[in-house]
């Protein structure tokens, strides 16, 4: 019985411990997208999964940056509305 418990504890993280803590999802790609991903991943020496995860992180970072820039533009436009209006005349 003790063997069974220790075996379960050891086997809990036997495969990709970082993946076990993440949520799994299915990504459906066209044949062309899959081929492009396969080629890009091979060129970089990484797995297709790592390439896709990197692309997602880059997409999220760019989107967050655009949102921060848009918010800064809105703030500057409000704060300096009079000066902007005078310059536009």
PDB file of N, CA and C in Angstrom:
ATOM      1  N   UNK A   1       0.826  -1.190   0.000  1.00  0.00           N
ATOM      2  CA  UNK A   1       0.000   0.000   0.000  1.00  0.00           C
ATOM      3  C   UNK A   1       0.865   1.247   0.000  1.00  0.00           C
ATOM      4  N   UNK A   2       1.903   1.263   0.807  1.00  0.00           N
ATOM      5  CA  UNK A   2       2.798   2.416   0.833  1.00  0.00           C
ATOM      6  C   UNK A   2       3.444   2.621  -0.526  1.00  0.00           C
ATOM      7  N   UNK A   3       3.743   1.513  -1.227  1.00  0.00           N
ATOM      8  CA  UNK A   3       4.355   1.631  -2.549  1.00  0.00           C
ATOM      9  C   UNK A   3       3.408   2.352  -3.507  1.00  0.00           C
ATOM     10  N   UNK A   4       2.128   2.010  -3.464  1.00  0.00           N
ATOM     11  CA  UNK A   4       1.143   2.629  -4.354  1.00  0.00           C
ATOM     12  C   UNK A   4       1.024   4.127  -4.136  1.00  0.00           C
ATOM     13  N   UNK A   5       1.023   4.549  -2.865  1.00  0.00           N
ATOM     14  CA  UNK A   5       0.912   5.979  -2.584  1.00  0.00           C
ATOM     15  C   UNK A   5       2.139   6.729  -3.083  1.00  0.00           C
ATOM     16  N   UNK A   6       3.329   6.220  -2.810  1.00  0.00           N
ATOM     17  CA  UNK A   6       4.530   6.924  -3.240  1.00  0.00           C
ATOM     18  C   UNK A   6       4.638   6.925  -4.763  1.00  0.00           C
ATOM     19  N   UNK A   7       4.170   5.859  -5.389  1.00  0.00           N
ATOM     20  CA  UNK A   7       4.204   5.810  -6.848  1.00  0.00           C
ATOM     21  C   UNK A   7       3.290   6.875  -7.441  1.00  0.00           C
ATOM     22  N   UNK A   8       2.107   7.046  -6.872  1.00  0.00           N
ATOM     23  CA  UNK A   8       1.196   8.081  -7.358  1.00  0.00           C
ATOM     24  C   UNK A   8       1.814   9.462  -7.201  1.00  0.00           C
ATOM     25  N   UNK A   9       2.453   9.706  -6.084  1.00  0.00           N
ATOM     26  CA  UNK A   9       3.069  11.008  -5.853  1.00  0.00           C
ATOM     27  C   UNK A   9       4.176  11.272  -6.869  1.00  0.00           C
ATOM     28  N   UNK A  10       4.991  10.249  -7.134  1.00  0.00           N
ATOM     29  CA  UNK A  10       6.089  10.433  -8.083  1.00  0.00           C
ATOM     30  C   UNK A  10       5.578  10.584  -9.505  1.00  0.00           C
ATOM     31  N   UNK A  11       4.507   9.904  -9.864  1.00  0.00           N
ATOM     32  CA  UNK A  11       4.038   9.922 -11.248  1.00  0.00           C
ATOM     33  C   UNK A  11       3.188  11.149 -11.565  1.00  0.00           C
ATOM     34  N   UNK A  12       2.854  11.946 -10.571  1.00  0.00           N
ATOM     35  CA  UNK A  12       1.994  13.104 -10.819  1.00  0.00           C
ATOM     36  C   UNK A  12       2.627  14.091 -11.792  1.00  0.00           C
ATOM     37  N   UNK A  13       3.930  14.189 -11.816  1.00  0.00           N
ATOM     38  CA  UNK A  13       4.598  15.157 -12.685  1.00  0.00           C
ATOM     39  C   UNK A  13       5.632  14.493 -13.589  1.00  0.00           C
ATOM     40  N   UNK A  14       5.323  13.331 -14.087  1.00  0.00           N
ATOM     41  CA  UNK A  14       6.309  12.614 -14.884  1.00  0.00           C
ATOM     42  C   UNK A  14       6.450  13.178 -16.283  1.00  0.00           C
ATOM     43  N   UNK A  15       5.474  13.951 -16.753  1.00  0.00           N
ATOM     44  CA  UNK A  15       5.505  14.425 -18.140  1.00  0.00           C
ATOM     45  C   UNK A  15       5.205  15.909 -18.186  1.00  0.00           C
ATOM     46  N   UNK A  16       6.123  16.690 -18.686  1.00  0.00           N
ATOM     47  CA  UNK A  16       5.967  18.136 -18.869  1.00  0.00           C
ATOM     48  C   UNK A  16       5.267  18.816 -17.688  1.00  0.00           C
ATOM     49  N   UNK A  17       5.945  18.979 -16.570  1.00  0.00           N
ATOM     50  CA  UNK A  17       5.296  19.582 -15.406  1.00  0.00           C
ATOM     51  C   UNK A  17       4.732  20.969 -15.683  1.00  0.00           C
ATOM     52  N   UNK A  18       5.324  21.741 -16.605  1.00  0.00           N
ATOM     53  CA  UNK A  18       4.778  23.065 -16.892  1.00  0.00           C
ATOM     54  C   UNK A  18       3.443  22.958 -17.618  1.00  0.00           C
ATOM     55  N   UNK A  19       3.248  21.920 -18.398  1.00  0.00           N
ATOM     56  CA  UNK A  19       1.999  21.735 -19.126  1.00  0.00           C
ATOM     57  C   UNK A  19       0.883  21.304 -18.182  1.00  0.00           C
ATOM     58  N   UNK A  20       1.220  20.526 -17.169  1.00  0.00           N
ATOM     59  CA  UNK A  20       0.212  20.016 -16.254  1.00  0.00           C
ATOM     60  C   UNK A  20      -0.481  21.148 -15.503  1.00  0.00           C
ATOM     61  N   UNK A  21       0.165  22.289 -15.354  1.00  0.00           N
ATOM     62  CA  UNK A  21      -0.416  23.395 -14.613  1.00  0.00           C
ATOM     63  C   UNK A  21      -1.180  24.342 -15.535  1.00  0.00           C
ATOM     64  N   UNK A  22      -1.178  24.097 -16.824  1.00  0.00           N
ATOM     65  CA  UNK A  22      -1.822  24.972 -17.793  1.00  0.00           C
ATOM     66  C   UNK A  22      -3.122  24.355 -18.277  1.00  0.00           C
ATOM     67  N   UNK A  23      -3.927  25.184 -18.900  1.00  0.00           N
ATOM     68  CA  UNK A  23      -5.163  24.705 -19.476  1.00  0.00           C
ATOM     69  C   UNK A  23      -4.893  24.231 -20.901  1.00  0.00           C
ATOM     70  N   UNK A  24      -5.413  23.106 -21.252  1.00  0.00           N
ATOM     71  CA  UNK A  24      -5.250  22.576 -22.603  1.00  0.00           C
ATOM     72  C   UNK A  24      -6.317  23.170 -23.509  1.00  0.00           C
ATOM     73  N   UNK A  25      -5.959  23.335 -24.771  1.00  0.00           N
ATOM     74  CA  UNK A  25      -6.941  23.790 -25.747  1.00  0.00           C
ATOM     75  C   UNK A  25      -6.606  23.160 -27.085  1.00  0.00           C
ATOM     76  N   UNK A  26      -7.575  23.113 -27.952  1.00  0.00           N
ATOM     77  CA  UNK A  26      -7.365  22.614 -29.300  1.00  0.00           C
ATOM     78  C   UNK A  26      -7.300  23.808 -30.227  1.00  0.00           C
ATOM     79  N   UNK A  27      -6.255  23.873 -31.020  1.00  0.00           N
ATOM     80  CA  UNK A  27      -6.085  24.959 -31.980  1.00  0.00           C
ATOM     81  C   UNK A  27      -6.257  24.369 -33.364  1.00  0.00           C
ATOM     82  N   UNK A  28      -7.274  24.806 -34.067  1.00  0.00           N
ATOM     83  CA  UNK A  28      -7.524  24.301 -35.403  1.00  0.00           C
ATOM     84  C   UNK A  28      -6.881  25.237 -36.420  1.00  0.00           C
ATOM     85  N   UNK A  29      -6.002  24.691 -37.229  1.00  0.00           N
ATOM     86  CA  UNK A  29      -5.288  25.461 -38.231  1.00  0.00           C
ATOM     87  C   UNK A  29      -5.617  24.934 -39.620  1.00  0.00           C
ATOM     88  N   UNK A  30      -5.559  25.823 -40.604  1.00  0.00           N
ATOM     89  CA  UNK A  30      -5.668  25.357 -41.978  1.00  0.00           C
ATOM     90  C   UNK A  30      -4.391  24.605 -42.314  1.00  0.00           C
ATOM     91  N   UNK A  31      -4.407  23.873 -43.409  1.00  0.00           N
ATOM     92  CA  UNK A  31      -3.199  23.157 -43.830  1.00  0.00           C
ATOM     93  C   UNK A  31      -2.046  24.135 -44.056  1.00  0.00           C
ATOM     94  N   UNK A  32      -2.358  25.287 -44.641  1.00  0.00           N
ATOM     95  CA  UNK A  32      -1.327  26.285 -44.910  1.00  0.00           C
ATOM     96  C   UNK A  32      -0.756  26.866 -43.614  1.00  0.00           C
ATOM     97  N   UNK A  33      -1.625  27.146 -42.652  1.00  0.00           N
ATOM     98  CA  UNK A  33      -1.164  27.666 -41.361  1.00  0.00           C
ATOM     99  C   UNK A  33      -0.304  26.647 -40.635  1.00  0.00           C
ATOM    100  N   UNK A  34      -0.738  25.391 -40.662  1.00  0.00           N
ATOM    101  CA  UNK A  34       0.029  24.347 -39.988  1.00  0.00           C
ATOM    102  C   UNK A  34       1.399  24.176 -40.640  1.00  0.00           C
ATOM    103  N   UNK A  35       1.449  24.207 -41.956  1.00  0.00           N
ATOM    104  CA  UNK A  35       2.728  24.062 -42.649  1.00  0.00           C
ATOM    105  C   UNK A  35       3.648  25.243 -42.336  1.00  0.00           C
ATOM    106  N   UNK A  36       3.087  26.463 -42.339  1.00  0.00           N
ATOM    107  CA  UNK A  36       3.886  27.653 -42.024  1.00  0.00           C
ATOM    108  C   UNK A  36       4.415  27.582 -40.592  1.00  0.00           C
ATOM    109  N   UNK A  37       3.568  27.144 -39.662  1.00  0.00           N
ATOM    110  CA  UNK A  37       3.993  27.004 -38.266  1.00  0.00           C
ATOM    111  C   UNK A  37       5.084  25.944 -38.144  1.00  0.00           C
ATOM    112  N   UNK A  38       4.905  24.822 -38.812  1.00  0.00           N
ATOM    113  CA  UNK A  38       5.901  23.748 -38.769  1.00  0.00           C
ATOM    114  C   UNK A  38       7.246  24.243 -39.298  1.00  0.00           C
ATOM    115  N   UNK A  39       7.229  24.956 -40.422  1.00  0.00           N
ATOM    116  CA  UNK A  39       8.470  25.456 -41.018  1.00  0.00           C
ATOM    117  C   UNK A  39       9.140  26.507 -40.130  1.00  0.00           C
ATOM    118  N   UNK A  40       8.343  27.418 -39.574  1.00  0.00           N
ATOM    119  CA  UNK A  40       8.904  28.472 -38.716  1.00  0.00           C
ATOM    120  C   UNK A  40       9.503  27.867 -37.459  1.00  0.00           C
ATOM    121  N   UNK A  41       8.791  26.920 -36.848  1.00  0.00           N
ATOM    122  CA  UNK A  41       9.286  26.266 -35.633  1.00  0.00           C
ATOM    123  C   UNK A  41      10.582  25.507 -35.926  1.00  0.00           C
ATOM    124  N   UNK A  42      10.618  24.805 -37.053  1.00  0.00           N
ATOM    125  CA  UNK A  42      11.827  24.060 -37.411  1.00  0.00           C
ATOM    126  C   UNK A  42      12.997  25.013 -37.638  1.00  0.00           C
ATOM    127  N   UNK A  43      12.740  26.144 -38.296  1.00  0.00           N
ATOM    128  CA  UNK A  43      13.806  27.116 -38.551  1.00  0.00           C
ATOM    129  C   UNK A  43      14.374  27.677 -37.254  1.00  0.00           C
ATOM    130  N   UNK A  44      13.525  27.795 -36.231  1.00  0.00           N
ATOM    131  CA  UNK A  44      13.964  28.336 -34.942  1.00  0.00           C
ATOM    132  C   UNK A  44      14.421  27.251 -33.978  1.00  0.00           C
ATOM    133  N   UNK A  45      14.260  25.995 -34.378  1.00  0.00           N
ATOM    134  CA  UNK A  45      14.688  24.886 -33.523  1.00  0.00           C
ATOM    135  C   UNK A  45      13.816  24.704 -32.295  1.00  0.00           C
ATOM    136  N   UNK A  46      12.526  25.002 -32.431  1.00  0.00           N
ATOM    137  CA  UNK A  46      11.597  24.847 -31.313  1.00  0.00           C
ATOM    138  C   UNK A  46      10.407  24.016 -31.769  1.00  0.00           C
ATOM    139  N   UNK A  47       9.598  23.586 -30.822  1.00  0.00           N
ATOM    140  CA  UNK A  47       8.410  22.804 -31.165  1.00  0.00           C
ATOM    141  C   UNK A  47       7.328  23.722 -31.725  1.00  0.00           C
ATOM    142  N   UNK A  48       6.383  23.115 -32.431  1.00  0.00           N
ATOM    143  CA  UNK A  48       5.254  23.902 -32.943  1.00  0.00           C
ATOM    144  C   UNK A  48       4.474  24.507 -31.777  1.00  0.00           C
ATOM    145  N   UNK A  49       4.357  23.774 -30.684  1.00  0.00           N
ATOM    146  CA  UNK A  49       3.647  24.288 -29.515  1.00  0.00           C
ATOM    147  C   UNK A  49       4.352  25.527 -28.965  1.00  0.00           C
ATOM    148  N   UNK A  50       5.673  25.459 -28.832  1.00  0.00           N
ATOM    149  CA  UNK A  50       6.416  26.618 -28.333  1.00  0.00           C
ATOM    150  C   UNK A  50       6.292  27.803 -29.282  1.00  0.00           C
ATOM    151  N   UNK A  51       6.311  27.547 -30.585  1.00  0.00           N
ATOM    152  CA  UNK A  51       6.159  28.629 -31.557  1.00  0.00           C
ATOM    153  C   UNK A  51       4.779  29.271 -31.435  1.00  0.00           C
ATOM    154  N   UNK A  52       3.747  28.451 -31.285  1.00  0.00           N
ATOM    155  CA  UNK A  52       2.384  28.978 -31.141  1.00  0.00           C
ATOM    156  C   UNK A  52       2.240  29.764 -29.841  1.00  0.00           C
ATOM    157  N   UNK A  53       2.800  29.243 -28.746  1.00  0.00           N
ATOM    158  CA  UNK A  53       2.720  29.952 -27.468  1.00  0.00           C
ATOM    159  C   UNK A  53       3.457  31.279 -27.535  1.00  0.00           C
ATOM    160  N   UNK A  54       4.603  31.303 -28.212  1.00  0.00           N
ATOM    161  CA  UNK A  54       5.365  32.545 -28.391  1.00  0.00           C
ATOM    162  C   UNK A  54       4.544  33.558 -29.201  1.00  0.00           C
ATOM    163  N   UNK A  55       3.892  33.088 -30.254  1.00  0.00           N
ATOM    164  CA  UNK A  55       3.063  33.968 -31.079  1.00  0.00           C
ATOM    165  C   UNK A  55       1.906  34.552 -30.268  1.00  0.00           C
ATOM    166  N   UNK A  56       1.319  33.750 -29.413  1.00  0.00           N
ATOM    167  CA  UNK A  56       0.217  34.231 -28.573  1.00  0.00           C
ATOM    168  C   UNK A  56       0.715  35.283 -27.591  1.00  0.00           C
ATOM    169  N   UNK A  57       1.865  35.027 -26.957  1.00  0.00           N
ATOM    170  CA  UNK A  57       2.426  36.016 -26.023  1.00  0.00           C
ATOM    171  C   UNK A  57       2.744  37.323 -26.742  1.00  0.00           C
ATOM    172  N   UNK A  58       3.308  37.238 -27.948  1.00  0.00           N
ATOM    173  CA  UNK A  58       3.615  38.449 -28.719  1.00  0.00           C
ATOM    174  C   UNK A  58       2.336  39.205 -29.078  1.00  0.00           C
ATOM    175  N   UNK A  59       1.309  38.480 -29.500  1.00  0.00           N
ATOM    176  CA  UNK A  59       0.027  39.094 -29.854  1.00  0.00           C
ATOM    177  C   UNK A  59      -0.582  39.830 -28.653  1.00  0.00           C
ATOM    178  N   UNK A  60      -0.581  39.181 -27.511  1.00  0.00           N
ATOM    179  CA  UNK A  60      -1.140  39.792 -26.301  1.00  0.00           C
ATOM    180  C   UNK A  60      -0.332  41.029 -25.906  1.00  0.00           C
ATOM    181  N   UNK A  61       0.982  40.944 -25.950  1.00  0.00           N
ATOM    182  CA  UNK A  61       1.836  42.086 -25.585  1.00  0.00           C
ATOM    183  C   UNK A  61       1.595  43.266 -26.530  1.00  0.00           C
ATOM    184  N   UNK A  62       1.497  42.992 -27.842  1.00  0.00           N
ATOM    185  CA  UNK A  62       1.246  44.075 -28.803  1.00  0.00           C
ATOM    186  C   UNK A  62      -0.124  44.694 -28.574  1.00  0.00           C
ATOM    187  N   UNK A  63      -1.119  43.874 -28.316  1.00  0.00           N
ATOM    188  CA  UNK A  63      -2.473  44.384 -28.071  1.00  0.00           C
ATOM    189  C   UNK A  63      -2.518  45.242 -26.819  1.00  0.00           C
ATOM    190  N   UNK A  64      -1.843  44.795 -25.757  1.00  0.00           N
ATOM    191  CA  UNK A  64      -1.799  45.581 -24.523  1.00  0.00           C
ATOM    192  C   UNK A  64      -1.066  46.894 -24.749  1.00  0.00           C
ATOM    193  N   UNK A  65       0.009  46.876 -25.534  1.00  0.00           N
ATOM    194  CA  UNK A  65       0.755  48.100 -25.833  1.00  0.00           C
ATOM    195  C   UNK A  65      -0.129  49.077 -26.603  1.00  0.00           C
ATOM    196  N   UNK A  66      -0.838  48.581 -27.615  1.00  0.00           N
ATOM    197  CA  UNK A  66      -1.746  49.452 -28.380  1.00  0.00           C
ATOM    198  C   UNK A  66      -2.801  50.081 -27.476  1.00  0.00           C
ATOM    199  N   UNK A  67      -3.331  49.306 -26.549  1.00  0.00           N
ATOM    200  CA  UNK A  67      -4.349  49.826 -25.626  1.00  0.00           C
ATOM    201  C   UNK A  67      -3.759  50.917 -24.737  1.00  0.00           C
ATOM    202  N   UNK A  68      -2.524  50.730 -24.246  1.00  0.00           N
ATOM    203  CA  UNK A  68      -1.881  51.757 -23.412  1.00  0.00           C
ATOM    204  C   UNK A  68      -1.602  53.020 -24.213  1.00  0.00           C
ATOM    205  N   UNK A  69      -1.159  52.870 -25.453  1.00  0.00           N
ATOM    206  CA  UNK A  69      -0.894  54.037 -26.305  1.00  0.00           C
ATOM    207  C   UNK A  69      -2.202  54.776 -26.583  1.00  0.00           C
ATOM    208  N   UNK A  70      -3.263  54.063 -26.898  1.00  0.00           N
ATOM    209  CA  UNK A  70      -4.556  54.691 -27.162  1.00  0.00           C
ATOM    210  C   UNK A  70      -5.055  55.457 -25.928  1.00  0.00           C
ATOM    211  N   UNK A  71      -4.887  54.873 -24.751  1.00  0.00           N
ATOM    212  CA  UNK A  71      -5.302  55.548 -23.517  1.00  0.00           C
ATOM    213  C   UNK A  71      -4.467  56.809 -23.287  1.00  0.00           C
ATOM    214  N   UNK A  72      -3.163  56.745 -23.576  1.00  0.00           N
ATOM    215  CA  UNK A  72      -2.298  57.922 -23.415  1.00  0.00           C
ATOM    216  C   UNK A  72      -2.695  59.015 -24.397  1.00  0.00           C
ATOM    217  N   UNK A  73      -3.013  58.643 -25.620  1.00  0.00           N
ATOM    218  CA  UNK A  73      -3.446  59.622 -26.631  1.00  0.00           C
ATOM    219  C   UNK A  73      -4.731  60.302 -26.174  1.00  0.00           C
ATOM    220  N   UNK A  74      -5.686  59.517 -25.679  1.00  0.00           N
ATOM    221  CA  UNK A  74      -6.943  60.087 -25.191  1.00  0.00           C
ATOM    222  C   UNK A  74      -6.694  61.063 -24.050  1.00  0.00           C
ATOM    223  N   UNK A  75      -5.821  60.695 -23.113  1.00  0.00           N
ATOM    224  CA  UNK A  75      -5.519  61.563 -21.979  1.00  0.00           C
ATOM    225  C   UNK A  75      -4.864  62.865 -22.443  1.00  0.00           C
ATOM    226  N   UNK A  76      -3.895  62.761 -23.316  1.00  0.00           N
ATOM    227  CA  UNK A  76      -3.207  63.953 -23.817  1.00  0.00           C
ATOM    228  C   UNK A  76      -4.178  64.839 -24.585  1.00  0.00           C
ATOM    229  N   UNK A  77      -5.053  64.228 -25.377  1.00  0.00           N
ATOM    230  CA  UNK A  77      -6.041  65.007 -26.135  1.00  0.00           C
ATOM    231  C   UNK A  77      -6.974  65.760 -25.193  1.00  0.00           C
ATOM    232  N   UNK A  78      -7.366  65.149 -24.084  1.00  0.00           N
ATOM    233  CA  UNK A  78      -8.237  65.821 -23.115  1.00  0.00           C
ATOM    234  C   UNK A  78      -7.498  66.935 -22.383  1.00  0.00           C
ATOM    235  N   UNK A  79      -6.301  66.616 -21.902  1.00  0.00           N
ATOM    236  CA  UNK A  79      -5.535  67.579 -21.105  1.00  0.00           C
ATOM    237  C   UNK A  79      -5.150  68.805 -21.939  1.00  0.00           C
ATOM    238  N   UNK A  80      -4.815  68.582 -23.191  1.00  0.00           N
ATOM    239  CA  UNK A  80      -4.327  69.663 -24.042  1.00  0.00           C
ATOM    240  C   UNK A  80      -5.325  70.044 -25.137  1.00  0.00           C
ATOM    241  N   UNK A  81      -6.608  69.827 -24.888  1.00  0.00           N
ATOM    242  CA  UNK A  81      -7.640  70.089 -25.899  1.00  0.00           C
ATOM    243  C   UNK A  81      -7.615  71.539 -26.372  1.00  0.00           C
ATOM    244  N   UNK A  82      -7.446  72.487 -25.450  1.00  0.00           N
ATOM    245  CA  UNK A  82      -7.426  73.907 -25.847  1.00  0.00           C
ATOM    246  C   UNK A  82      -6.261  74.203 -26.770  1.00  0.00           C
ATOM    247  N   UNK A  83      -5.084  73.750 -26.404  1.00  0.00           N
ATOM    248  CA  UNK A  83      -3.903  74.003 -27.232  1.00  0.00           C
ATOM    249  C   UNK A  83      -4.028  73.319 -28.590  1.00  0.00           C
ATOM    250  N   UNK A  84      -4.543  72.124 -28.613  1.00  0.00           N
ATOM    251  CA  UNK A  84      -4.725  71.408 -29.874  1.00  0.00           C
ATOM    252  C   UNK A  84      -5.732  72.148 -30.749  1.00  0.00           C
ATOM    253  N   UNK A  85      -6.782  72.648 -30.133  1.00  0.00           N
ATOM    254  CA  UNK A  85      -7.800  73.400 -30.874  1.00  0.00           C
ATOM    255  C   UNK A  85      -7.203  74.681 -31.455  1.00  0.00           C
ATOM    256  N   UNK A  86      -6.376  75.396 -30.652  1.00  0.00           N
ATOM    257  CA  UNK A  86      -5.758  76.638 -31.149  1.00  0.00           C
ATOM    258  C   UNK A  86      -4.782  76.358 -32.285  1.00  0.00           C
ATOM    259  N   UNK A  87      -4.058  75.275 -32.206  1.00  0.00           N
ATOM    260  CA  UNK A  87      -3.110  74.917 -33.249  1.00  0.00           C
ATOM    261  C   UNK A  87      -3.836  74.526 -34.549  1.00  0.00           C
ATOM    262  N   UNK A  88      -5.028  74.017 -34.409  1.00  0.00           N
ATOM    263  CA  UNK A  88      -5.800  73.594 -35.577  1.00  0.00           C
ATOM    264  C   UNK A  88      -6.425  74.726 -36.339  1.00  0.00           C
ATOM    265  N   UNK A  89      -6.456  75.912 -35.784  1.00  0.00           N
ATOM    266  CA  UNK A  89      -7.110  77.051 -36.454  1.00  0.00           C
ATOM    267  C   UNK A  89      -6.264  77.631 -37.518  1.00  0.00           C
TER     268      UNK A  89
END
